[in-house]
Amino acid sequence: MVTPAHRKVVVRWLAGESIDALLAIITKSTQTHMWPPRHVFWKGLYDKGFVEEAWVALSPAAIRNAAVMFEETKDPIYTMTGS
């Protein structure tokens, strides 16, 4: 029950949070060196205004890692994923 302009602000903020959560989960799930630079890349695009929405879909193993991350941090962003 908000205006489209206000909804856009919230959705864009959630996109930034989703990028942070997704790349943290992927980094933990894969434990490779390639994901931190990709995090910087995608957050850079977000910071420049090129990303307005982001939707997270994870593998079963990554979903389990997200659940662990939620238990450790209590940050609900780690529960906002799909498979």
C-alpha atoms as a PDB file:
ATOM      1  CA  MET A   1       0.000   0.000   0.000  1.00  0.00           C
ATOM      2  CA  VAL A   2       2.775   2.400  -0.986  1.00  0.00           C
ATOM      3  CA  THR A   3       3.286   4.467  -4.092  1.00  0.00           C
ATOM      4  CA  PRO A   4       5.207   2.918  -6.986  1.00  0.00           C
ATOM      5  CA  ALA A   5       8.076   5.329  -6.356  1.00  0.00           C
ATOM      6  CA  HIS A   6       8.367   4.242  -2.730  1.00  0.00           C
ATOM      7  CA  ARG A   7       8.085   0.578  -3.703  1.00  0.00           C
ATOM      8  CA  LYS A   8      10.948   1.071  -6.166  1.00  0.00           C
ATOM      9  CA  VAL A   9      13.157   2.406  -3.359  1.00  0.00           C
ATOM     10  CA  VAL A  10      12.444  -0.636  -1.167  1.00  0.00           C
ATOM     11  CA  VAL A  11      12.910  -3.128  -4.017  1.00  0.00           C
ATOM     12  CA  ARG A  12      16.200  -1.518  -5.007  1.00  0.00           C
ATOM     13  CA  TRP A  13      17.442  -1.615  -1.395  1.00  0.00           C
ATOM     14  CA  LEU A  14      16.465  -5.292  -1.217  1.00  0.00           C
ATOM     15  CA  ALA A  15      18.418  -5.884  -4.428  1.00  0.00           C
ATOM     16  CA  GLY A  16      21.574  -4.625  -2.742  1.00  0.00           C
ATOM     17  CA  GLU A  17      20.931  -6.773   0.310  1.00  0.00           C
ATOM     18  CA  SER A  18      20.223  -9.771  -1.946  1.00  0.00           C
ATOM     19  CA  ILE A  19      23.498  -9.294  -3.818  1.00  0.00           C
ATOM     20  CA  ASP A  20      25.400  -9.224  -0.519  1.00  0.00           C
ATOM     21  CA  ALA A  21      23.607 -12.309   0.789  1.00  0.00           C
ATOM     22  CA  LEU A  22      23.835 -14.289  -2.449  1.00  0.00           C
ATOM     23  CA  LEU A  23      27.536 -13.734  -2.875  1.00  0.00           C
ATOM     24  CA  ALA A  24      28.259 -14.438   0.801  1.00  0.00           C
ATOM     25  CA  ILE A  25      26.364 -17.724   0.512  1.00  0.00           C
ATOM     26  CA  ILE A  26      28.077 -18.674  -2.755  1.00  0.00           C
ATOM     27  CA  THR A  27      31.493 -17.825  -1.308  1.00  0.00           C
ATOM     28  CA  LYS A  28      30.806 -20.044   1.700  1.00  0.00           C
ATOM     29  CA  SER A  29      29.331 -22.821  -0.452  1.00  0.00           C
ATOM     30  CA  THR A  30      32.103 -22.962  -3.027  1.00  0.00           C
ATOM     31  CA  GLN A  31      35.103 -21.794  -0.999  1.00  0.00           C
ATOM     32  CA  THR A  32      36.891 -20.568  -4.127  1.00  0.00           C
ATOM     33  CA  HIS A  33      38.798 -17.350  -4.722  1.00  0.00           C
ATOM     34  CA  MET A  34      36.615 -16.223  -7.623  1.00  0.00           C
ATOM     35  CA  TRP A  35      33.557 -14.943  -5.745  1.00  0.00           C
ATOM     36  CA  PRO A  36      34.873 -11.987  -3.700  1.00  0.00           C
ATOM     37  CA  PRO A  37      35.912 -10.115  -6.894  1.00  0.00           C
ATOM     38  CA  ARG A  38      32.499 -10.851  -8.399  1.00  0.00           C
ATOM     39  CA  HIS A  39      30.894  -9.417  -5.274  1.00  0.00           C
ATOM     40  CA  VAL A  40      32.845  -6.196  -5.824  1.00  0.00           C
ATOM     41  CA  PHE A  41      31.811  -6.182  -9.503  1.00  0.00           C
ATOM     42  CA  TRP A  42      28.082  -6.688  -8.874  1.00  0.00           C
ATOM     43  CA  LYS A  43      27.953  -4.265  -5.943  1.00  0.00           C
ATOM     44  CA  GLY A  44      29.752  -1.726  -8.131  1.00  0.00           C
ATOM     45  CA  LEU A  45      27.025  -2.050 -10.751  1.00  0.00           C
ATOM     46  CA  TYR A  46      24.417  -1.749  -8.005  1.00  0.00           C
ATOM     47  CA  ASP A  47      26.115   1.331  -6.518  1.00  0.00           C
ATOM     48  CA  LYS A  48      26.141   2.970  -9.975  1.00  0.00           C
ATOM     49  CA  GLY A  49      22.383   2.411 -10.272  1.00  0.00           C
ATOM     50  CA  PHE A  50      22.483  -0.300 -12.951  1.00  0.00           C
ATOM     51  CA  VAL A  51      20.788  -2.944 -10.775  1.00  0.00           C
ATOM     52  CA  GLU A  52      17.247  -2.285  -9.591  1.00  0.00           C
ATOM     53  CA  GLU A  53      16.082  -5.792  -8.658  1.00  0.00           C
ATOM     54  CA  ALA A  54      17.755  -9.064  -7.686  1.00  0.00           C
ATOM     55  CA  TRP A  55      16.185 -12.453  -7.072  1.00  0.00           C
ATOM     56  CA  VAL A  56      18.103 -15.251  -5.385  1.00  0.00           C
ATOM     57  CA  ALA A  57      17.874 -18.938  -6.330  1.00  0.00           C
ATOM     58  CA  LEU A  58      20.208 -21.445  -4.693  1.00  0.00           C
ATOM     59  CA  SER A  59      21.217 -25.071  -4.943  1.00  0.00           C
ATOM     60  CA  PRO A  60      20.189 -27.403  -2.102  1.00  0.00           C
ATOM     61  CA  ALA A  61      23.710 -27.249  -0.618  1.00  0.00           C
ATOM     62  CA  ALA A  62      23.715 -23.453  -0.740  1.00  0.00           C
ATOM     63  CA  ILE A  63      20.266 -23.371   0.898  1.00  0.00           C
ATOM     64  CA  ARG A  64      21.697 -25.390   3.784  1.00  0.00           C
ATOM     65  CA  ASN A  65      24.586 -22.918   4.070  1.00  0.00           C
ATOM     66  CA  ALA A  66      22.124 -20.025   4.024  1.00  0.00           C
ATOM     67  CA  ALA A  67      20.227 -21.659   6.899  1.00  0.00           C
ATOM     68  CA  VAL A  68      23.456 -21.947   8.892  1.00  0.00           C
ATOM     69  CA  MET A  69      24.296 -18.319   8.129  1.00  0.00           C
ATOM     70  CA  PHE A  70      20.834 -17.294   9.323  1.00  0.00           C
ATOM     71  CA  GLU A  71      21.302 -19.221  12.573  1.00  0.00           C
ATOM     72  CA  GLU A  72      24.694 -17.561  13.100  1.00  0.00           C
ATOM     73  CA  THR A  73      23.595 -14.008  12.293  1.00  0.00           C
ATOM     74  CA  LYS A  74      19.786 -13.994  12.711  1.00  0.00           C
ATOM     75  CA  ASP A  75      19.755 -11.820   9.569  1.00  0.00           C
ATOM     76  CA  PRO A  76      16.496 -12.652   7.730  1.00  0.00           C
ATOM     77  CA  ILE A  77      18.100 -11.910   4.359  1.00  0.00           C
ATOM     78  CA  TYR A  78      19.513 -15.448   4.503  1.00  0.00           C
ATOM     79  CA  THR A  79      15.980 -16.861   4.512  1.00  0.00           C
ATOM     80  CA  MET A  80      14.825 -14.964   1.424  1.00  0.00           C
ATOM     81  CA  THR A  81      15.915 -17.462  -1.226  1.00  0.00           C
ATOM     82  CA  GLY A  82      14.354 -19.829  -3.691  1.00  0.00           C
ATOM     83  CA  SER A  83      15.518 -23.091  -5.175  1.00  0.00           C
END
